[in-house]
Every structure is written in structure tokens, then in C-alpha cells.
Amino acid sequence: MLTLTSPIETYAHRIPASVKMAAFVALTVLLFATPQPWLLAPPVAALILSCGPEFALQSLKNLRPLIPLILILALWHLWLRDPQGITLITRMIIGVAAANFVTMTSKLTEMTRTIETLARPLRPIIAPKTLALAIGLTIRFIPTMLMRAEQITESWRARSPKSPGWRIFLPTTLAALDDATHTAEALRARGGLG
């Protein structure tokens, strides 16, 4: 499996994951509390750019999967003649860019440790270690799934002049289920979470 952590070493890698995650939560609250979320775009952009141009370019590339969703939301709100669509899309882009910054500059082990600590009050409902592992695996699988979708798209293009579009949805879903099955078997073979 791949990881979202950036190999480009920056000052942000030395900041504890717990601090970055707390700042992200505060930003998310601000993002939805303010009626003008675009005011938060310059500080988030400055934060990403402060890590250097190579890091900023990689961060921008990580936003590519949002393009289809942005187009669908934009068309939907245009059709409804709802100007709030711009606000919604702005919030989404800023939030995802900030989340990318946290995952690109934090080790997965640090993030899962933080989640496990924060989840201790939920112990009567769910084991904190299980929740931390589930969130950690979700984060870990994002780049794997993106890579798998790209491979399936390339395979389609090699066999057909038509654009794959929605046709890659089923094979990508089946690939995700297959990967999840293999991961579950590997966890079971290693004794689960015990």
C-alpha cells in the first residue's frame, strides 16, 4: 500500500500530528461558521506554499479527484440558479486542501495514535484501537484506490477509443472490495487487533 505522506521533507513534518489535526478541526469549524469562506483561502494557500513550490505542486495534484465533483455541483447549482453553490464549492476545496496538508506532512502512525487517544471516551461503544485502525486504513487506501482507478482507465483506453466515463465504476469498486478482503485476511492472519 502507498501512503499520502509527502516524501518532500518540510518544516511542517516536524510539527506533531495532534497539533495539525487540532488546527484542521478549528479551520473546519471556521469554514462552516463564516458566510464568506473564501477569506480562509489565502491563509491555507500561504501555508501550503510555505513548504516550497514542489510540495505545493504535489498538493495541487492531490486535488484533481475533486474536479468531477466540482463540475457536478457547479452544474447542479447553475441549473437551480442557486448562488450558494460557489460557497459550497469554496468550502470543499479549502477543506480538502487543508486535509491534504495534514496527511501530506504527518505520519500515519502519529495520526492513528492521536485518533486512538481522542477516542478513549468512546470505549463503551467502540474500541479506540479499532476506530483508529479503520480511519488509518481509510487514509492509507486513498492513494491505492486512485492508482487502481488510473490503471483501469489506462486499460480501457488501450482497448477502446471511447472515453471510459462511468464504465470504470464497477471494476474500481470490485478492485476496492478485493483489496479490502486481502487486508482483512492479512489482519486475521496476524491475530487481528489483539
C-alpha atoms as a PDB file:
ATOM      1  CA  MET A   1       0.000   0.000   0.000  1.00  0.00           C
ATOM      2  CA  LEU A   2       1.063   3.584  -0.650  1.00  0.00           C
ATOM      3  CA  THR A   3       0.899   6.496   1.746  1.00  0.00           C
ATOM      4  CA  LEU A   4      -0.236  10.091   1.346  1.00  0.00           C
ATOM      5  CA  THR A   5       2.742  11.391   3.365  1.00  0.00           C
ATOM      6  CA  SER A   6       4.885  13.598   1.141  1.00  0.00           C
ATOM      7  CA  PRO A   7       8.495  12.475   0.604  1.00  0.00           C
ATOM      8  CA  ILE A   8       9.418  16.186   0.289  1.00  0.00           C
ATOM      9  CA  GLU A   9      10.673  16.998   3.795  1.00  0.00           C
ATOM     10  CA  THR A  10       9.354  20.333   5.143  1.00  0.00           C
ATOM     11  CA  TYR A  11       9.225  22.179   8.462  1.00  0.00           C
ATOM     12  CA  ALA A  12       5.575  21.029   8.778  1.00  0.00           C
ATOM     13  CA  HIS A  13       6.705  17.377   9.063  1.00  0.00           C
ATOM     14  CA  ARG A  14       8.282  18.273  12.431  1.00  0.00           C
ATOM     15  CA  ILE A  15       5.041  19.686  13.878  1.00  0.00           C
ATOM     16  CA  PRO A  16       3.185  16.998  15.885  1.00  0.00           C
ATOM     17  CA  ALA A  17       0.221  15.435  14.057  1.00  0.00           C
ATOM     18  CA  SER A  18      -2.030  16.202  17.028  1.00  0.00           C
ATOM     19  CA  VAL A  19      -1.353  19.959  16.652  1.00  0.00           C
ATOM     20  CA  LYS A  20      -2.046  19.859  12.886  1.00  0.00           C
ATOM     21  CA  MET A  21      -5.225  17.819  13.385  1.00  0.00           C
ATOM     22  CA  ALA A  22      -6.475  20.259  16.066  1.00  0.00           C
ATOM     23  CA  ALA A  23      -5.752  23.205  13.741  1.00  0.00           C
ATOM     24  CA  PHE A  24      -7.621  21.409  10.944  1.00  0.00           C
ATOM     25  CA  VAL A  25     -10.689  20.918  13.174  1.00  0.00           C
ATOM     26  CA  ALA A  26     -10.589  24.627  14.122  1.00  0.00           C
ATOM     27  CA  LEU A  27     -10.305  25.605  10.440  1.00  0.00           C
ATOM     28  CA  THR A  28     -13.250  23.345   9.533  1.00  0.00           C
ATOM     29  CA  VAL A  29     -15.417  24.966  12.224  1.00  0.00           C
ATOM     30  CA  LEU A  30     -14.418  28.425  10.932  1.00  0.00           C
ATOM     31  CA  LEU A  31     -15.054  27.320   7.354  1.00  0.00           C
ATOM     32  CA  PHE A  32     -18.684  26.471   8.122  1.00  0.00           C
ATOM     33  CA  ALA A  33     -19.230  29.281  10.643  1.00  0.00           C
ATOM     34  CA  THR A  34     -18.311  32.099   8.260  1.00  0.00           C
ATOM     35  CA  PRO A  35     -20.623  33.108   5.401  1.00  0.00           C
ATOM     36  CA  GLN A  36     -17.503  34.158   3.427  1.00  0.00           C
ATOM     37  CA  PRO A  37     -15.286  31.046   3.355  1.00  0.00           C
ATOM     38  CA  TRP A  38     -13.080  32.460   0.553  1.00  0.00           C
ATOM     39  CA  LEU A  39     -11.452  34.667   3.244  1.00  0.00           C
ATOM     40  CA  LEU A  40      -9.770  31.486   4.526  1.00  0.00           C
ATOM     41  CA  ALA A  41      -8.305  30.596   1.107  1.00  0.00           C
ATOM     42  CA  PRO A  42      -5.260  32.952   1.290  1.00  0.00           C
ATOM     43  CA  PRO A  43      -4.014  31.651   4.697  1.00  0.00           C
ATOM     44  CA  VAL A  44      -4.431  27.989   3.595  1.00  0.00           C
ATOM     45  CA  ALA A  45      -2.691  28.713   0.259  1.00  0.00           C
ATOM     46  CA  ALA A  46       0.122  30.565   2.090  1.00  0.00           C
ATOM     47  CA  LEU A  47       0.552  27.619   4.462  1.00  0.00           C
ATOM     48  CA  ILE A  48       0.855  25.167   1.549  1.00  0.00           C
ATOM     49  CA  LEU A  49       3.199  27.483  -0.407  1.00  0.00           C
ATOM     50  CA  SER A  50       5.396  27.947   2.696  1.00  0.00           C
ATOM     51  CA  CYS A  51       6.500  24.322   2.229  1.00  0.00           C
ATOM     52  CA  GLY A  52       8.012  25.110  -1.185  1.00  0.00           C
ATOM     53  CA  PRO A  53       6.922  25.012  -4.831  1.00  0.00           C
ATOM     54  CA  GLU A  54       7.434  21.255  -5.291  1.00  0.00           C
ATOM     55  CA  PHE A  55       5.272  20.475  -2.244  1.00  0.00           C
ATOM     56  CA  ALA A  56       2.616  22.990  -3.393  1.00  0.00           C
ATOM     57  CA  LEU A  57       2.503  21.388  -6.853  1.00  0.00           C
ATOM     58  CA  GLN A  58       2.035  17.918  -5.324  1.00  0.00           C
ATOM     59  CA  SER A  59      -0.687  19.316  -3.059  1.00  0.00           C
ATOM     60  CA  LEU A  60      -2.435  20.790  -6.109  1.00  0.00           C
ATOM     61  CA  LYS A  61      -2.225  17.434  -7.925  1.00  0.00           C
ATOM     62  CA  ASN A  62      -3.900  15.785  -4.919  1.00  0.00           C
ATOM     63  CA  LEU A  63      -6.960  17.979  -5.558  1.00  0.00           C
ATOM     64  CA  ARG A  64      -7.510  16.510  -9.067  1.00  0.00           C
ATOM     65  CA  PRO A  65     -10.010  13.850  -7.902  1.00  0.00           C
ATOM     66  CA  LEU A  66     -12.302  16.711  -6.808  1.00  0.00           C
ATOM     67  CA  ILE A  67     -12.703  18.059 -10.367  1.00  0.00           C
ATOM     68  CA  PRO A  68     -15.654  15.792 -11.393  1.00  0.00           C
ATOM     69  CA  LEU A  69     -17.471  16.522  -8.120  1.00  0.00           C
ATOM     70  CA  ILE A  70     -16.885  20.284  -8.506  1.00  0.00           C
ATOM     71  CA  LEU A  71     -18.268  20.151 -12.062  1.00  0.00           C
ATOM     72  CA  ILE A  72     -21.372  18.220 -10.967  1.00  0.00           C
ATOM     73  CA  LEU A  73     -22.011  20.629  -8.059  1.00  0.00           C
ATOM     74  CA  ALA A  74     -21.431  23.680 -10.265  1.00  0.00           C
ATOM     75  CA  LEU A  75     -23.825  22.414 -12.955  1.00  0.00           C
ATOM     76  CA  TRP A  76     -26.450  21.456 -10.379  1.00  0.00           C
ATOM     77  CA  HIS A  77     -26.363  24.879  -8.684  1.00  0.00           C
ATOM     78  CA  LEU A  78     -26.358  26.638 -12.066  1.00  0.00           C
ATOM     79  CA  TRP A  79     -29.437  24.648 -13.052  1.00  0.00           C
ATOM     80  CA  LEU A  80     -31.113  25.599  -9.744  1.00  0.00           C
ATOM     81  CA  ARG A  81     -29.864  29.202 -10.146  1.00  0.00           C
ATOM     82  CA  ASP A  82     -28.534  28.941  -6.583  1.00  0.00           C
ATOM     83  CA  PRO A  83     -25.569  31.255  -5.864  1.00  0.00           C
ATOM     84  CA  GLN A  84     -24.808  29.262  -2.681  1.00  0.00           C
ATOM     85  CA  GLY A  85     -23.095  26.668  -4.895  1.00  0.00           C
ATOM     86  CA  ILE A  86     -19.978  28.875  -5.069  1.00  0.00           C
ATOM     87  CA  THR A  87     -19.816  28.981  -1.260  1.00  0.00           C
ATOM     88  CA  LEU A  88     -20.234  25.199  -1.016  1.00  0.00           C
ATOM     89  CA  ILE A  89     -17.522  24.511  -3.621  1.00  0.00           C
ATOM     90  CA  THR A  90     -15.168  27.024  -1.953  1.00  0.00           C
ATOM     91  CA  ARG A  91     -15.630  25.332   1.429  1.00  0.00           C
ATOM     92  CA  MET A  92     -14.995  21.921  -0.116  1.00  0.00           C
ATOM     93  CA  ILE A  93     -11.778  22.963  -1.913  1.00  0.00           C
ATOM     94  CA  ILE A  94     -10.335  24.769   1.128  1.00  0.00           C
ATOM     95  CA  GLY A  95     -11.278  21.898   3.472  1.00  0.00           C
ATOM     96  CA  VAL A  96      -9.782  19.202   1.249  1.00  0.00           C
ATOM     97  CA  ALA A  97      -6.617  21.280   0.620  1.00  0.00           C
ATOM     98  CA  ALA A  98      -6.162  21.688   4.389  1.00  0.00           C
ATOM     99  CA  ALA A  99      -6.810  17.969   4.993  1.00  0.00           C
ATOM    100  CA  ASN A 100      -4.241  17.131   2.284  1.00  0.00           C
ATOM    101  CA  PHE A 101      -1.722  19.370   4.057  1.00  0.00           C
ATOM    102  CA  VAL A 102      -2.232  17.434   7.305  1.00  0.00           C
ATOM    103  CA  THR A 103      -1.947  13.991   5.678  1.00  0.00           C
ATOM    104  CA  MET A 104       0.997  15.025   3.474  1.00  0.00           C
ATOM    105  CA  THR A 105       3.007  16.275   6.470  1.00  0.00           C
ATOM    106  CA  SER A 106       2.043  13.662   9.102  1.00  0.00           C
ATOM    107  CA  LYS A 107       2.984  10.034   9.551  1.00  0.00           C
ATOM    108  CA  LEU A 108       0.027   7.677   9.560  1.00  0.00           C
ATOM    109  CA  THR A 109       1.193   6.119  12.851  1.00  0.00           C
ATOM    110  CA  GLU A 110       1.122   9.555  14.530  1.00  0.00           C
ATOM    111  CA  MET A 111      -2.361  10.278  13.225  1.00  0.00           C
ATOM    112  CA  THR A 112      -3.766   6.897  14.324  1.00  0.00           C
ATOM    113  CA  ARG A 113      -2.155   7.351  17.768  1.00  0.00           C
ATOM    114  CA  THR A 114      -3.861  10.750  18.083  1.00  0.00           C
ATOM    115  CA  ILE A 115      -7.224   9.320  16.971  1.00  0.00           C
ATOM    116  CA  GLU A 116      -6.851   6.436  19.438  1.00  0.00           C
ATOM    117  CA  THR A 117      -6.184   8.899  22.292  1.00  0.00           C
ATOM    118  CA  LEU A 118      -9.153  11.083  21.334  1.00  0.00           C
ATOM    119  CA  ALA A 119     -11.444   8.042  21.015  1.00  0.00           C
ATOM    120  CA  ARG A 120     -10.864   6.806  24.593  1.00  0.00           C
ATOM    121  CA  PRO A 121     -14.172   8.258  25.869  1.00  0.00           C
ATOM    122  CA  LEU A 122     -15.945   6.131  23.216  1.00  0.00           C
ATOM    123  CA  ARG A 123     -14.569   2.892  24.725  1.00  0.00           C
ATOM    124  CA  PRO A 124     -18.024   1.635  25.898  1.00  0.00           C
ATOM    125  CA  ILE A 125     -19.288   1.913  22.284  1.00  0.00           C
ATOM    126  CA  ILE A 126     -16.214   1.034  20.181  1.00  0.00           C
ATOM    127  CA  ALA A 127     -12.637   0.075  20.943  1.00  0.00           C
ATOM    128  CA  PRO A 128     -10.405   3.134  20.306  1.00  0.00           C
ATOM    129  CA  LYS A 129      -7.790   0.921  18.638  1.00  0.00           C
ATOM    130  CA  THR A 130     -10.400  -0.420  16.183  1.00  0.00           C
ATOM    131  CA  LEU A 131     -11.612   3.086  15.295  1.00  0.00           C
ATOM    132  CA  ALA A 132      -8.034   4.358  14.844  1.00  0.00           C
ATOM    133  CA  LEU A 133      -7.191   1.366  12.632  1.00  0.00           C
ATOM    134  CA  ALA A 134     -10.331   1.868  10.496  1.00  0.00           C
ATOM    135  CA  ILE A 135      -9.561   5.566   9.943  1.00  0.00           C
ATOM    136  CA  GLY A 136      -5.875   4.804   9.336  1.00  0.00           C
ATOM    137  CA  LEU A 137      -6.699   2.147   6.735  1.00  0.00           C
ATOM    138  CA  THR A 138      -9.150   4.505   5.011  1.00  0.00           C
ATOM    139  CA  ILE A 139      -6.451   7.186   4.738  1.00  0.00           C
ATOM    140  CA  ARG A 140      -3.883   4.605   3.609  1.00  0.00           C
ATOM    141  CA  PHE A 141      -6.157   3.218   0.883  1.00  0.00           C
ATOM    142  CA  ILE A 142      -6.946   6.572  -0.774  1.00  0.00           C
ATOM    143  CA  PRO A 143      -3.774   6.706  -2.913  1.00  0.00           C
ATOM    144  CA  THR A 144      -4.047   2.979  -3.636  1.00  0.00           C
ATOM    145  CA  MET A 145      -7.588   3.413  -4.937  1.00  0.00           C
ATOM    146  CA  LEU A 146      -6.618   6.440  -7.038  1.00  0.00           C
ATOM    147  CA  MET A 147      -3.756   4.447  -8.553  1.00  0.00           C
ATOM    148  CA  ARG A 148      -6.083   1.479  -9.204  1.00  0.00           C
ATOM    149  CA  ALA A 149      -8.653   3.754 -10.921  1.00  0.00           C
ATOM    150  CA  GLU A 150      -5.895   5.223 -13.132  1.00  0.00           C
ATOM    151  CA  GLN A 151      -4.720   1.708 -14.111  1.00  0.00           C
ATOM    152  CA  ILE A 152      -8.275   0.651 -15.017  1.00  0.00           C
ATOM    153  CA  THR A 153      -8.763   3.872 -17.030  1.00  0.00           C
ATOM    154  CA  GLU A 154      -5.486   3.257 -18.930  1.00  0.00           C
ATOM    155  CA  SER A 155      -6.531  -0.345 -19.632  1.00  0.00           C
ATOM    156  CA  TRP A 156      -9.848   0.894 -21.026  1.00  0.00           C
ATOM    157  CA  ARG A 157      -8.134   3.467 -23.257  1.00  0.00           C
ATOM    158  CA  ALA A 158      -5.778   0.784 -24.612  1.00  0.00           C
ATOM    159  CA  ARG A 159      -8.782  -1.262 -25.770  1.00  0.00           C
ATOM    160  CA  SER A 160     -11.318   1.384 -26.813  1.00  0.00           C
ATOM    161  CA  PRO A 161     -11.300   4.826 -28.455  1.00  0.00           C
ATOM    162  CA  LYS A 162     -14.332   5.818 -26.328  1.00  0.00           C
ATOM    163  CA  SER A 163     -13.934   7.662 -23.035  1.00  0.00           C
ATOM    164  CA  PRO A 164     -14.365   5.243 -20.082  1.00  0.00           C
ATOM    165  CA  GLY A 165     -16.524   7.612 -18.001  1.00  0.00           C
ATOM    166  CA  TRP A 166     -18.875   5.740 -15.655  1.00  0.00           C
ATOM    167  CA  ARG A 167     -17.787   2.346 -17.044  1.00  0.00           C
ATOM    168  CA  ILE A 168     -14.777   2.154 -14.700  1.00  0.00           C
ATOM    169  CA  PHE A 169     -17.007   2.475 -11.615  1.00  0.00           C
ATOM    170  CA  LEU A 170     -17.801  -1.260 -11.300  1.00  0.00           C
ATOM    171  CA  PRO A 171     -14.237  -2.578 -11.893  1.00  0.00           C
ATOM    172  CA  THR A 172     -12.840   0.039  -9.474  1.00  0.00           C
ATOM    173  CA  THR A 173     -15.423  -0.954  -6.839  1.00  0.00           C
ATOM    174  CA  LEU A 174     -14.615  -4.659  -7.297  1.00  0.00           C
ATOM    175  CA  ALA A 175     -10.882  -3.882  -7.017  1.00  0.00           C
ATOM    176  CA  ALA A 176     -11.570  -1.984  -3.761  1.00  0.00           C
ATOM    177  CA  LEU A 177     -13.539  -4.931  -2.354  1.00  0.00           C
ATOM    178  CA  ASP A 178     -10.762  -7.322  -3.397  1.00  0.00           C
ATOM    179  CA  ASP A 179      -8.115  -5.148  -1.668  1.00  0.00           C
ATOM    180  CA  ALA A 180     -10.317  -4.906   1.443  1.00  0.00           C
ATOM    181  CA  THR A 181     -10.699  -8.706   1.526  1.00  0.00           C
ATOM    182  CA  HIS A 182      -6.924  -9.232   1.270  1.00  0.00           C
ATOM    183  CA  THR A 183      -6.292  -6.668   4.017  1.00  0.00           C
ATOM    184  CA  ALA A 184      -8.896  -8.305   6.299  1.00  0.00           C
ATOM    185  CA  GLU A 185      -7.304 -11.730   5.711  1.00  0.00           C
ATOM    186  CA  ALA A 186      -3.854 -10.319   6.477  1.00  0.00           C
ATOM    187  CA  LEU A 187      -5.142  -8.746   9.710  1.00  0.00           C
ATOM    188  CA  ARG A 188      -6.819 -12.018  10.715  1.00  0.00           C
ATOM    189  CA  ALA A 189      -3.639 -13.986   9.983  1.00  0.00           C
ATOM    190  CA  ARG A 190      -1.705 -11.637  12.256  1.00  0.00           C
ATOM    191  CA  GLY A 191      -4.171 -12.057  15.113  1.00  0.00           C
ATOM    192  CA  GLY A 192      -6.433  -9.086  14.379  1.00  0.00           C
ATOM    193  CA  LEU A 193      -6.093  -6.169  16.760  1.00  0.00           C
ATOM    194  CA  GLY A 194      -5.064  -8.275  19.729  1.00  0.00           C
END
